[in-house]
PDB file of N, CA and C in Angstrom:
ATOM      1  N   MET A   1      55.672 145.056  82.150  1.00  0.00           N
ATOM      2  CA  MET A   1      55.929 144.439  80.728  1.00  0.00           C
ATOM      3  C   MET A   1      54.608 144.849  80.266  1.00  0.00           C
ATOM      4  N   ASP A   2      55.264 145.017  78.893  1.00  0.00           N
ATOM      5  CA  ASP A   2      54.234 145.787  77.855  1.00  0.00           C
ATOM      6  C   ASP A   2      54.224 144.448  77.321  1.00  0.00           C
ATOM      7  N   GLU A   3      53.139 144.255  76.768  1.00  0.00           N
ATOM      8  CA  GLU A   3      52.311 143.279  76.326  1.00  0.00           C
ATOM      9  C   GLU A   3      52.781 143.172  74.677  1.00  0.00           C
ATOM     10  N   ASN A   4      52.689 144.685  74.047  1.00  0.00           N
ATOM     11  CA  ASN A   4      53.310 144.839  72.656  1.00  0.00           C
ATOM     12  C   ASN A   4      54.762 144.776  72.236  1.00  0.00           C
ATOM     13  N   CYS A   5      56.050 144.527  73.179  1.00  0.00           N
ATOM     14  CA  CYS A   5      57.271 144.904  72.988  1.00  0.00           C
ATOM     15  C   CYS A   5      57.338 143.335  72.981  1.00  0.00           C
ATOM     16  N   LEU A   6      58.428 143.143  71.964  1.00  0.00           N
ATOM     17  CA  LEU A   6      58.864 142.210  71.022  1.00  0.00           C
ATOM     18  C   LEU A   6      59.938 141.809  72.677  1.00  0.00           C
ATOM     19  N   PHE A   7      60.300 142.439  73.356  1.00  0.00           N
ATOM     20  CA  PHE A   7      61.683 142.018  74.137  1.00  0.00           C
ATOM     21  C   PHE A   7      60.611 141.247  75.503  1.00  0.00           C
ATOM     22  N   CYS A   8      59.894 141.609  75.859  1.00  0.00           N
ATOM     23  CA  CYS A   8      58.851 141.411  76.929  1.00  0.00           C
ATOM     24  C   CYS A   8      57.876 139.953  76.440  1.00  0.00           C
ATOM     25  N   LYS A   9      57.687 139.580  74.707  1.00  0.00           N
ATOM     26  CA  LYS A   9      57.371 138.967  74.510  1.00  0.00           C
ATOM     27  C   LYS A   9      58.219 137.467  74.774  1.00  0.00           C
ATOM     28  N   ILE A  10      59.384 137.895  74.450  1.00  0.00           N
ATOM     29  CA  ILE A  10      60.558 137.133  74.407  1.00  0.00           C
ATOM     30  C   ILE A  10      61.057 136.129  76.087  1.00  0.00           C
ATOM     31  N   ILE A  11      61.010 137.189  76.740  1.00  0.00           N
ATOM     32  CA  ILE A  11      60.933 137.063  78.501  1.00  0.00           C
ATOM     33  C   ILE A  11      59.835 135.723  78.792  1.00  0.00           C
ATOM     34  N   ALA A  12      58.622 136.853  78.653  1.00  0.00           N
ATOM     35  CA  ALA A  12      58.107 135.676  79.011  1.00  0.00           C
ATOM     36  C   ALA A  12      57.641 134.486  78.085  1.00  0.00           C
ATOM     37  N   GLY A  13      58.410 134.082  77.304  1.00  0.00           N
ATOM     38  CA  GLY A  13      58.578 132.458  76.462  1.00  0.00           C
ATOM     39  C   GLY A  13      57.322 132.514  75.290  1.00  0.00           C
ATOM     40  N   LYS A  14      57.068 134.222  74.952  1.00  0.00           N
ATOM     41  CA  LYS A  14      55.947 133.646  73.776  1.00  0.00           C
ATOM     42  C   LYS A  14      56.550 134.135  72.545  1.00  0.00           C
ATOM     43  N   ILE A  15      57.754 134.397  72.396  1.00  0.00           N
ATOM     44  CA  ILE A  15      58.623 134.164  71.538  1.00  0.00           C
ATOM     45  C   ILE A  15      59.904 132.990  71.487  1.00  0.00           C
ATOM     46  N   PRO A  16      60.455 132.487  70.693  1.00  0.00           N
ATOM     47  CA  PRO A  16      61.243 131.617  71.070  1.00  0.00           C
ATOM     48  C   PRO A  16      62.654 132.746  70.736  1.00  0.00           C
ATOM     49  N   SER A  17      64.190 132.044  71.554  1.00  0.00           N
ATOM     50  CA  SER A  17      65.316 132.650  71.421  1.00  0.00           C
ATOM     51  C   SER A  17      65.857 131.521  72.138  1.00  0.00           C
ATOM     52  N   LYS A  18      67.291 131.932  71.691  1.00  0.00           N
ATOM     53  CA  LYS A  18      68.376 131.477  72.283  1.00  0.00           C
ATOM     54  C   LYS A  18      68.889 131.774  73.158  1.00  0.00           C
ATOM     55  N   LYS A  19      68.123 131.204  74.655  1.00  0.00           N
ATOM     56  CA  LYS A  19      69.047 131.974  76.110  1.00  0.00           C
ATOM     57  C   LYS A  19      70.146 131.685  76.565  1.00  0.00           C
ATOM     58  N   VAL A  20      71.146 132.231  76.875  1.00  0.00           N
ATOM     59  CA  VAL A  20      72.282 132.665  77.201  1.00  0.00           C
ATOM     60  C   VAL A  20      72.261 132.308  78.869  1.00  0.00           C
ATOM     61  N   TYR A  21      71.350 133.146  79.608  1.00  0.00           N
ATOM     62  CA  TYR A  21      71.515 133.694  80.884  1.00  0.00           C
ATOM     63  C   TYR A  21      69.986 133.974  81.093  1.00  0.00           C
ATOM     64  N   GLU A  22      69.860 133.397  82.631  1.00  0.00           N
ATOM     65  CA  GLU A  22      68.592 134.290  83.129  1.00  0.00           C
ATOM     66  C   GLU A  22      68.866 134.262  84.326  1.00  0.00           C
ATOM     67  N   ASP A  23      68.419 135.568  85.209  1.00  0.00           N
ATOM     68  CA  ASP A  23      67.806 135.159  86.565  1.00  0.00           C
ATOM     69  C   ASP A  23      66.593 136.180  87.022  1.00  0.00           C
ATOM     70  N   ASP A  24      66.357 136.650  88.208  1.00  0.00           N
ATOM     71  CA  ASP A  24      65.777 137.258  88.127  1.00  0.00           C
ATOM     72  C   ASP A  24      65.414 138.735  88.026  1.00  0.00           C
ATOM     73  N   LYS A  25      66.622 139.242  87.490  1.00  0.00           N
ATOM     74  CA  LYS A  25      66.808 140.715  86.778  1.00  0.00           C
ATOM     75  C   LYS A  25      67.216 140.917  85.487  1.00  0.00           C
ATOM     76  N   VAL A  26      67.461 140.059  84.684  1.00  0.00           N
ATOM     77  CA  VAL A  26      67.534 140.498  83.323  1.00  0.00           C
ATOM     78  C   VAL A  26      67.308 138.871  82.538  1.00  0.00           C
ATOM     79  N   PHE A  27      67.351 139.048  81.405  1.00  0.00           N
ATOM     80  CA  PHE A  27      67.090 137.705  80.348  1.00  0.00           C
ATOM     81  C   PHE A  27      68.110 138.032  79.193  1.00  0.00           C
ATOM     82  N   VAL A  28      69.137 136.905  79.103  1.00  0.00           N
ATOM     83  CA  VAL A  28      70.055 137.005  77.898  1.00  0.00           C
ATOM     84  C   VAL A  28      70.016 136.338  77.307  1.00  0.00           C
ATOM     85  N   PHE A  29      69.961 136.791  75.522  1.00  0.00           N
ATOM     86  CA  PHE A  29      70.042 136.078  74.550  1.00  0.00           C
ATOM     87  C   PHE A  29      70.949 136.042  73.641  1.00  0.00           C
ATOM     88  N   GLU A  30      71.090 135.290  72.267  1.00  0.00           N
ATOM     89  CA  GLU A  30      71.698 136.189  71.116  1.00  0.00           C
ATOM     90  C   GLU A  30      71.042 136.495  70.803  1.00  0.00           C
ATOM     91  N   ASP A  31      72.115 137.390  69.653  1.00  0.00           N
ATOM     92  CA  ASP A  31      71.305 138.366  68.998  1.00  0.00           C
ATOM     93  C   ASP A  31      71.187 137.604  67.661  1.00  0.00           C
ATOM     94  N   ILE A  32      69.861 138.312  66.535  1.00  0.00           N
ATOM     95  CA  ILE A  32      69.281 136.887  65.701  1.00  0.00           C
ATOM     96  C   ILE A  32      70.520 137.754  64.376  1.00  0.00           C
ATOM     97  N   SER A  33      70.947 138.520  64.394  1.00  0.00           N
ATOM     98  CA  SER A  33      72.002 139.128  63.390  1.00  0.00           C
ATOM     99  C   SER A  33      72.990 139.106  63.918  1.00  0.00           C
ATOM    100  N   PRO A  34      73.944 138.633  64.775  1.00  0.00           N
ATOM    101  CA  PRO A  34      75.391 138.916  65.178  1.00  0.00           C
ATOM    102  C   PRO A  34      76.092 139.605  64.017  1.00  0.00           C
ATOM    103  N   LYS A  35      76.578 139.980  64.968  1.00  0.00           N
ATOM    104  CA  LYS A  35      77.951 141.400  64.350  1.00  0.00           C
ATOM    105  C   LYS A  35      78.958 141.291  64.839  1.00  0.00           C
ATOM    106  N   ALA A  36      79.592 139.676  65.533  1.00  0.00           N
ATOM    107  CA  ALA A  36      80.487 140.000  66.064  1.00  0.00           C
ATOM    108  C   ALA A  36      80.208 137.719  66.444  1.00  0.00           C
ATOM    109  N   PRO A  37      81.156 136.912  66.515  1.00  0.00           N
ATOM    110  CA  PRO A  37      81.004 135.794  66.884  1.00  0.00           C
ATOM    111  C   PRO A  37      80.666 134.986  68.375  1.00  0.00           C
ATOM    112  N   THR A  38      80.461 136.242  69.064  1.00  0.00           N
ATOM    113  CA  THR A  38      79.848 136.266  70.487  1.00  0.00           C
ATOM    114  C   THR A  38      78.817 137.694  70.392  1.00  0.00           C
ATOM    115  N   HIS A  39      77.583 137.655  70.490  1.00  0.00           N
ATOM    116  CA  HIS A  39      76.914 138.775  70.244  1.00  0.00           C
ATOM    117  C   HIS A  39      75.396 138.556  71.206  1.00  0.00           C
ATOM    118  N   VAL A  40      75.215 138.863  72.131  1.00  0.00           N
ATOM    119  CA  VAL A  40      74.443 138.852  73.195  1.00  0.00           C
ATOM    120  C   VAL A  40      73.510 139.754  73.310  1.00  0.00           C
ATOM    121  N   LEU A  41      72.493 139.967  74.074  1.00  0.00           N
ATOM    122  CA  LEU A  41      71.985 140.801  74.146  1.00  0.00           C
ATOM    123  C   LEU A  41      71.195 140.738  75.580  1.00  0.00           C
ATOM    124  N   ILE A  42      71.332 141.672  76.398  1.00  0.00           N
ATOM    125  CA  ILE A  42      71.031 141.599  77.913  1.00  0.00           C
ATOM    126  C   ILE A  42      70.166 142.617  78.253  1.00  0.00           C
ATOM    127  N   ILE A  43      69.026 142.140  78.710  1.00  0.00           N
ATOM    128  CA  ILE A  43      67.702 142.925  78.275  1.00  0.00           C
ATOM    129  C   ILE A  43      67.231 142.712  80.086  1.00  0.00           C
ATOM    130  N   PRO A  44      66.735 144.015  80.440  1.00  0.00           N
ATOM    131  CA  PRO A  44      65.826 143.868  81.782  1.00  0.00           C
ATOM    132  C   PRO A  44      64.427 143.338  82.120  1.00  0.00           C
ATOM    133  N   LYS A  45      64.280 142.324  82.680  1.00  0.00           N
ATOM    134  CA  LYS A  45      62.980 141.721  82.786  1.00  0.00           C
ATOM    135  C   LYS A  45      61.975 143.112  82.981  1.00  0.00           C
ATOM    136  N   ARG A  46      62.063 144.280  83.436  1.00  0.00           N
ATOM    137  CA  ARG A  46      61.447 145.396  83.651  1.00  0.00           C
ATOM    138  C   ARG A  46      60.995 146.526  82.441  1.00  0.00           C
ATOM    139  N   HIS A  47      60.201 146.514  82.067  1.00  0.00           N
ATOM    140  CA  HIS A  47      60.455 147.350  80.902  1.00  0.00           C
ATOM    141  C   HIS A  47      61.127 148.812  81.446  1.00  0.00           C
ATOM    142  N   VAL A  48      61.581 148.797  80.151  1.00  0.00           N
ATOM    143  CA  VAL A  48      62.030 150.378  80.415  1.00  0.00           C
ATOM    144  C   VAL A  48      62.033 150.721  78.745  1.00  0.00           C
ATOM    145  N   VAL A  49      61.878 151.751  78.487  1.00  0.00           N
ATOM    146  CA  VAL A  49      61.689 152.244  76.582  1.00  0.00           C
ATOM    147  C   VAL A  49      63.297 151.723  76.716  1.00  0.00           C
ATOM    148  N   GLY A  50      64.361 152.670  77.071  1.00  0.00           N
ATOM    149  CA  GLY A  50      65.515 152.810  76.989  1.00  0.00           C
ATOM    150  C   GLY A  50      66.526 153.566  77.424  1.00  0.00           C
ATOM    151  N   LEU A  51      67.395 154.390  77.065  1.00  0.00           N
ATOM    152  CA  LEU A  51      68.425 154.434  78.260  1.00  0.00           C
ATOM    153  C   LEU A  51      67.670 156.163  78.217  1.00  0.00           C
ATOM    154  N   LYS A  52      67.725 157.253  77.656  1.00  0.00           N
ATOM    155  CA  LYS A  52      67.103 157.966  77.582  1.00  0.00           C
ATOM    156  C   LYS A  52      66.008 158.590  78.507  1.00  0.00           C
ATOM    157  N   GLU A  53      65.200 157.144  78.506  1.00  0.00           N
ATOM    158  CA  GLU A  53      63.962 157.604  79.514  1.00  0.00           C
ATOM    159  C   GLU A  53      64.441 156.831  80.962  1.00  0.00           C
ATOM    160  N   ALA A  54      65.560 156.423  81.278  1.00  0.00           N
ATOM    161  CA  ALA A  54      65.818 155.534  81.937  1.00  0.00           C
ATOM    162  C   ALA A  54      65.605 156.571  83.565  1.00  0.00           C
ATOM    163  N   THR A  55      65.640 156.235  84.175  1.00  0.00           N
ATOM    164  CA  THR A  55      65.601 157.245  85.614  1.00  0.00           C
ATOM    165  C   THR A  55      66.763 156.690  86.517  1.00  0.00           C
ATOM    166  N   PRO A  56      66.775 158.048  87.386  1.00  0.00           N
ATOM    167  CA  PRO A  56      67.417 157.747  88.970  1.00  0.00           C
ATOM    168  C   PRO A  56      67.489 156.226  89.340  1.00  0.00           C
ATOM    169  N   GLU A  57      65.740 155.794  89.260  1.00  0.00           N
ATOM    170  CA  GLU A  57      65.971 154.308  90.011  1.00  0.00           C
ATOM    171  C   GLU A  57      66.284 153.139  89.135  1.00  0.00           C
ATOM    172  N   ASP A  58      66.813 153.832  87.930  1.00  0.00           N
ATOM    173  CA  ASP A  58      67.441 152.531  86.863  1.00  0.00           C
ATOM    174  C   ASP A  58      68.298 152.338  87.206  1.00  0.00           C
ATOM    175  N   ALA A  59      69.513 153.005  87.671  1.00  0.00           N
ATOM    176  CA  ALA A  59      70.487 152.820  88.053  1.00  0.00           C
ATOM    177  C   ALA A  59      71.558 151.503  87.964  1.00  0.00           C
ATOM    178  N   GLU A  60      70.682 151.509  88.846  1.00  0.00           N
ATOM    179  CA  GLU A  60      70.934 149.626  89.664  1.00  0.00           C
ATOM    180  C   GLU A  60      71.174 148.727  88.429  1.00  0.00           C
ATOM    181  N   ILE A  61      69.791 148.625  87.749  1.00  0.00           N
ATOM    182  CA  ILE A  61      69.232 147.667  86.700  1.00  0.00           C
ATOM    183  C   ILE A  61      70.760 147.758  85.372  1.00  0.00           C
ATOM    184  N   LEU A  62      71.050 149.213  85.180  1.00  0.00           N
ATOM    185  CA  LEU A  62      71.830 149.856  83.941  1.00  0.00           C
ATOM    186  C   LEU A  62      73.238 149.145  84.393  1.00  0.00           C
ATOM    187  N   GLY A  63      74.072 149.153  85.852  1.00  0.00           N
ATOM    188  CA  GLY A  63      74.974 149.138  86.288  1.00  0.00           C
ATOM    189  C   GLY A  63      75.195 146.891  86.385  1.00  0.00           C
ATOM    190  N   TYR A  64      73.943 146.472  87.040  1.00  0.00           N
ATOM    191  CA  TYR A  64      74.169 145.508  86.574  1.00  0.00           C
ATOM    192  C   TYR A  64      73.615 144.682  85.585  1.00  0.00           C
ATOM    193  N   CYS A  65      73.300 144.922  84.255  1.00  0.00           N
ATOM    194  CA  CYS A  65      73.748 144.601  83.376  1.00  0.00           C
ATOM    195  C   CYS A  65      74.809 144.716  82.153  1.00  0.00           C
ATOM    196  N   GLN A  66      75.858 145.327  83.164  1.00  0.00           N
ATOM    197  CA  GLN A  66      77.373 145.738  82.934  1.00  0.00           C
ATOM    198  C   GLN A  66      78.127 144.827  82.896  1.00  0.00           C
ATOM    199  N   LEU A  67      77.733 144.355  85.023  1.00  0.00           N
ATOM    200  CA  LEU A  67      78.155 143.243  85.728  1.00  0.00           C
ATOM    201  C   LEU A  67      77.948 141.808  84.464  1.00  0.00           C
ATOM    202  N   ILE A  68      76.741 141.871  84.690  1.00  0.00           N
ATOM    203  CA  ILE A  68      76.469 140.825  83.707  1.00  0.00           C
ATOM    204  C   ILE A  68      76.662 140.215  82.305  1.00  0.00           C
ATOM    205  N   ALA A  69      77.206 141.625  81.555  1.00  0.00           N
ATOM    206  CA  ALA A  69      77.976 141.257  80.441  1.00  0.00           C
ATOM    207  C   ALA A  69      79.318 140.925  80.770  1.00  0.00           C
ATOM    208  N   ALA A  70      79.991 141.410  81.567  1.00  0.00           N
ATOM    209  CA  ALA A  70      81.572 140.946  82.362  1.00  0.00           C
ATOM    210  C   ALA A  70      81.569 138.884  82.526  1.00  0.00           C
ATOM    211  N   LYS A  71      80.518 138.851  83.018  1.00  0.00           N
ATOM    212  CA  LYS A  71      80.578 137.456  83.609  1.00  0.00           C
ATOM    213  C   LYS A  71      80.250 136.643  81.942  1.00  0.00           C
ATOM    214  N   ILE A  72      78.979 136.778  81.189  1.00  0.00           N
ATOM    215  CA  ILE A  72      78.929 136.137  80.196  1.00  0.00           C
ATOM    216  C   ILE A  72      80.535 136.278  79.084  1.00  0.00           C
ATOM    217  N   GLY A  73      81.176 137.221  79.376  1.00  0.00           N
ATOM    218  CA  GLY A  73      82.476 137.570  78.621  1.00  0.00           C
ATOM    219  C   GLY A  73      83.388 136.738  79.167  1.00  0.00           C
ATOM    220  N   ARG A  74      84.050 136.547  80.122  1.00  0.00           N
ATOM    221  CA  ARG A  74      84.245 135.633  81.205  1.00  0.00           C
ATOM    222  C   ARG A  74      83.984 133.959  80.757  1.00  0.00           C
ATOM    223  N   GLU A  75      82.898 133.497  80.449  1.00  0.00           N
ATOM    224  CA  GLU A  75      82.097 132.684  80.563  1.00  0.00           C
ATOM    225  C   GLU A  75      82.171 132.310  79.252  1.00  0.00           C
ATOM    226  N   HIS A  76      82.433 133.332  78.176  1.00  0.00           N
ATOM    227  CA  HIS A  76      82.713 132.997  76.528  1.00  0.00           C
ATOM    228  C   HIS A  76      84.694 133.058  76.212  1.00  0.00           C
ATOM    229  N   GLY A  77      84.811 133.311  77.058  1.00  0.00           N
ATOM    230  CA  GLY A  77      86.384 133.735  76.722  1.00  0.00           C
ATOM    231  C   GLY A  77      86.590 134.653  75.806  1.00  0.00           C
ATOM    232  N   ILE A  78      86.515 135.645  76.246  1.00  0.00           N
ATOM    233  CA  ILE A  78      86.605 137.038  75.504  1.00  0.00           C
ATOM    234  C   ILE A  78      87.152 138.024  75.800  1.00  0.00           C
ATOM    235  N   GLU A  79      87.636 137.936  77.448  1.00  0.00           N
ATOM    236  CA  GLU A  79      88.095 138.969  77.826  1.00  0.00           C
ATOM    237  C   GLU A  79      89.453 139.641  77.133  1.00  0.00           C
ATOM    238  N   ASP A  80      89.960 139.419  76.006  1.00  0.00           N
ATOM    239  CA  ASP A  80      90.749 139.703  75.917  1.00  0.00           C
ATOM    240  C   ASP A  80      90.102 141.003  74.698  1.00  0.00           C
ATOM    241  N   GLY A  81      89.245 141.585  74.934  1.00  0.00           N
ATOM    242  CA  GLY A  81      88.656 142.407  74.319  1.00  0.00           C
ATOM    243  C   GLY A  81      87.373 142.669  73.800  1.00  0.00           C
ATOM    244  N   TYR A  82      86.147 143.174  74.365  1.00  0.00           N
ATOM    245  CA  TYR A  82      84.779 142.844  74.062  1.00  0.00           C
ATOM    246  C   TYR A  82      84.264 143.982  74.475  1.00  0.00           C
ATOM    247  N   ARG A  83      83.214 144.803  73.724  1.00  0.00           N
ATOM    248  CA  ARG A  83      82.439 145.714  74.025  1.00  0.00           C
ATOM    249  C   ARG A  83      80.867 145.926  74.112  1.00  0.00           C
ATOM    250  N   THR A  84      80.323 146.591  74.777  1.00  0.00           N
ATOM    251  CA  THR A  84      78.834 146.991  75.360  1.00  0.00           C
ATOM    252  C   THR A  84      78.796 148.117  74.722  1.00  0.00           C
ATOM    253  N   VAL A  85      77.646 148.082  74.409  1.00  0.00           N
ATOM    254  CA  VAL A  85      77.016 149.440  73.614  1.00  0.00           C
ATOM    255  C   VAL A  85      74.738 148.730  74.030  1.00  0.00           C
ATOM    256  N   TYR A  86      74.946 150.435  74.354  1.00  0.00           N
ATOM    257  CA  TYR A  86      73.922 150.446  74.274  1.00  0.00           C
ATOM    258  C   TYR A  86      73.064 151.408  73.202  1.00  0.00           C
ATOM    259  N   ASN A  87      72.635 151.509  72.141  1.00  0.00           N
ATOM    260  CA  ASN A  87      71.960 152.182  71.689  1.00  0.00           C
ATOM    261  C   ASN A  87      70.978 153.230  71.752  1.00  0.00           C
ATOM    262  N   VAL A  88      70.820 154.191  71.308  1.00  0.00           N
ATOM    263  CA  VAL A  88      69.802 155.209  71.745  1.00  0.00           C
ATOM    264  C   VAL A  88      68.716 155.685  70.924  1.00  0.00           C
ATOM    265  N   GLY A  89      67.988 155.958  70.545  1.00  0.00           N
ATOM    266  CA  GLY A  89      67.279 156.335  69.524  1.00  0.00           C
ATOM    267  C   GLY A  89      66.963 155.316  67.883  1.00  0.00           C
ATOM    268  N   PRO A  90      65.959 155.742  67.520  1.00  0.00           N
ATOM    269  CA  PRO A  90      66.258 155.338  66.141  1.00  0.00           C
ATOM    270  C   PRO A  90      67.908 155.540  65.214  1.00  0.00           C
ATOM    271  N   ARG A  91      68.094 156.467  65.113  1.00  0.00           N
ATOM    272  CA  ARG A  91      69.488 156.904  64.512  1.00  0.00           C
ATOM    273  C   ARG A  91      70.855 156.302  65.342  1.00  0.00           C
ATOM    274  N   SER A  92      70.530 155.841  66.186  1.00  0.00           N
ATOM    275  CA  SER A  92      71.613 154.853  66.593  1.00  0.00           C
ATOM    276  C   SER A  92      71.776 153.682  65.992  1.00  0.00           C
ATOM    277  N   GLY A  93      70.373 152.897  65.253  1.00  0.00           N
ATOM    278  CA  GLY A  93      69.820 151.547  65.190  1.00  0.00           C
ATOM    279  C   GLY A  93      68.834 150.882  66.190  1.00  0.00           C
ATOM    280  N   GLN A  94      68.884 151.460  67.562  1.00  0.00           N
ATOM    281  CA  GLN A  94      67.940 150.789  68.142  1.00  0.00           C
ATOM    282  C   GLN A  94      66.715 150.555  67.434  1.00  0.00           C
ATOM    283  N   SER A  95      66.167 149.206  67.298  1.00  0.00           N
ATOM    284  CA  SER A  95      64.700 149.100  66.720  1.00  0.00           C
ATOM    285  C   SER A  95      64.096 148.698  67.369  1.00  0.00           C
ATOM    286  N   VAL A  96      64.058 147.848  68.784  1.00  0.00           N
ATOM    287  CA  VAL A  96      63.394 147.825  69.644  1.00  0.00           C
ATOM    288  C   VAL A  96      63.352 148.743  71.104  1.00  0.00           C
ATOM    289  N   PHE A  97      62.069 149.243  70.986  1.00  0.00           N
ATOM    290  CA  PHE A  97      62.768 150.103  72.443  1.00  0.00           C
ATOM    291  C   PHE A  97      61.966 149.783  73.849  1.00  0.00           C
ATOM    292  N   HIS A  98      62.529 148.593  74.347  1.00  0.00           N
ATOM    293  CA  HIS A  98      62.712 147.964  75.449  1.00  0.00           C
ATOM    294  C   HIS A  98      64.540 147.799  75.310  1.00  0.00           C
ATOM    295  N   LEU A  99      64.926 148.768  77.125  1.00  0.00           N
ATOM    296  CA  LEU A  99      66.402 149.120  76.882  1.00  0.00           C
ATOM    297  C   LEU A  99      67.189 147.755  77.273  1.00  0.00           C
ATOM    298  N   HIS A 100      68.464 147.159  75.991  1.00  0.00           N
ATOM    299  CA  HIS A 100      68.897 145.976  75.709  1.00  0.00           C
ATOM    300  C   HIS A 100      70.505 146.724  76.016  1.00  0.00           C
ATOM    301  N   LEU A 101      71.325 146.279  76.636  1.00  0.00           N
ATOM    302  CA  LEU A 101      72.919 145.935  76.406  1.00  0.00           C
ATOM    303  C   LEU A 101      73.059 145.095  75.009  1.00  0.00           C
ATOM    304  N   HIS A 102      73.948 145.700  74.060  1.00  0.00           N
ATOM    305  CA  HIS A 102      75.048 144.807  73.635  1.00  0.00           C
ATOM    306  C   HIS A 102      76.159 143.991  73.719  1.00  0.00           C
ATOM    307  N   LEU A 103      76.514 143.422  74.170  1.00  0.00           N
ATOM    308  CA  LEU A 103      77.916 141.961  74.370  1.00  0.00           C
ATOM    309  C   LEU A 103      78.636 141.811  73.026  1.00  0.00           C
ATOM    310  N   LEU A 104      79.580 142.602  72.623  1.00  0.00           N
ATOM    311  CA  LEU A 104      80.028 142.121  70.686  1.00  0.00           C
ATOM    312  C   LEU A 104      81.366 141.376  71.776  1.00  0.00           C
ATOM    313  N   GLY A 105      81.378 140.472  71.235  1.00  0.00           N
ATOM    314  CA  GLY A 105      83.336 139.938  71.184  1.00  0.00           C
ATOM    315  C   GLY A 105      83.467 138.628  70.488  1.00  0.00           C
ATOM    316  N   GLY A 106      84.957 138.259  70.668  1.00  0.00           N
ATOM    317  CA  GLY A 106      85.374 137.435  70.068  1.00  0.00           C
ATOM    318  C   GLY A 106      86.069 137.847  68.513  1.00  0.00           C
ATOM    319  N   ARG A 107      86.208 138.897  68.079  1.00  0.00           N
ATOM    320  CA  ARG A 107      86.979 139.466  66.912  1.00  0.00           C
ATOM    321  C   ARG A 107      87.779 140.828  67.464  1.00  0.00           C
ATOM    322  N   ASP A 108      88.602 141.131  66.727  1.00  0.00           N
ATOM    323  CA  ASP A 108      88.989 142.364  66.491  1.00  0.00           C
ATOM    324  C   ASP A 108      87.560 143.328  66.545  1.00  0.00           C
ATOM    325  N   MET A 109      87.910 144.538  67.409  1.00  0.00           N
ATOM    326  CA  MET A 109      87.120 145.810  67.173  1.00  0.00           C
ATOM    327  C   MET A 109      87.806 146.992  66.500  1.00  0.00           C
ATOM    328  N   THR A 110      86.954 147.689  65.499  1.00  0.00           N
ATOM    329  CA  THR A 110      87.556 148.396  64.875  1.00  0.00           C
ATOM    330  C   THR A 110      86.741 149.760  65.711  1.00  0.00           C
ATOM    331  N   TRP A 111      87.984 151.083  65.714  1.00  0.00           N
ATOM    332  CA  TRP A 111      86.934 152.441  66.425  1.00  0.00           C
ATOM    333  C   TRP A 111      87.228 153.744  65.147  1.00  0.00           C
ATOM    334  N   PRO A 112      86.677 154.359  64.544  1.00  0.00           N
ATOM    335  CA  PRO A 112      85.202 154.420  65.582  1.00  0.00           C
ATOM    336  C   PRO A 112      84.375 153.440  64.885  1.00  0.00           C
ATOM    337  N   PRO A 113      83.723 153.065  66.268  1.00  0.00           N
ATOM    338  CA  PRO A 113      82.661 151.978  65.897  1.00  0.00           C
ATOM    339  C   PRO A 113      81.209 152.845  64.117  1.00  0.00           C
ATOM    340  N   GLY A 114      80.652 151.587  63.557  1.00  0.00           N
ATOM    341  CA  GLY A 114      79.714 152.087  62.979  1.00  0.00           C
ATOM    342  C   GLY A 114      79.851 153.138  62.153  1.00  0.00           C
TER     343      GLY A 114
END
């Protein structure tokens, strides 16, 4: 845990969030500025700064986050179309430097994004 990390504080319950799911590996909560009817963040409980800092040892949690996204997609009835996104670095819009996967769905998605 990084004591200065916003998401680590959310996982620890020091900052409130609208929890959607939790298990021993990940914590999932609603984005505070949703860009779709379903917009949740899936974050590993172990602090990883971001995708570019991830190591081969992080491969399992990266895949696990995607599987949790699929589970939540089923539970929210958005299997007809959703997007999963890892923003990498400030130019992509990453503002919290704790690895997190966005799950967005419940509306038509356009291409190219952003």
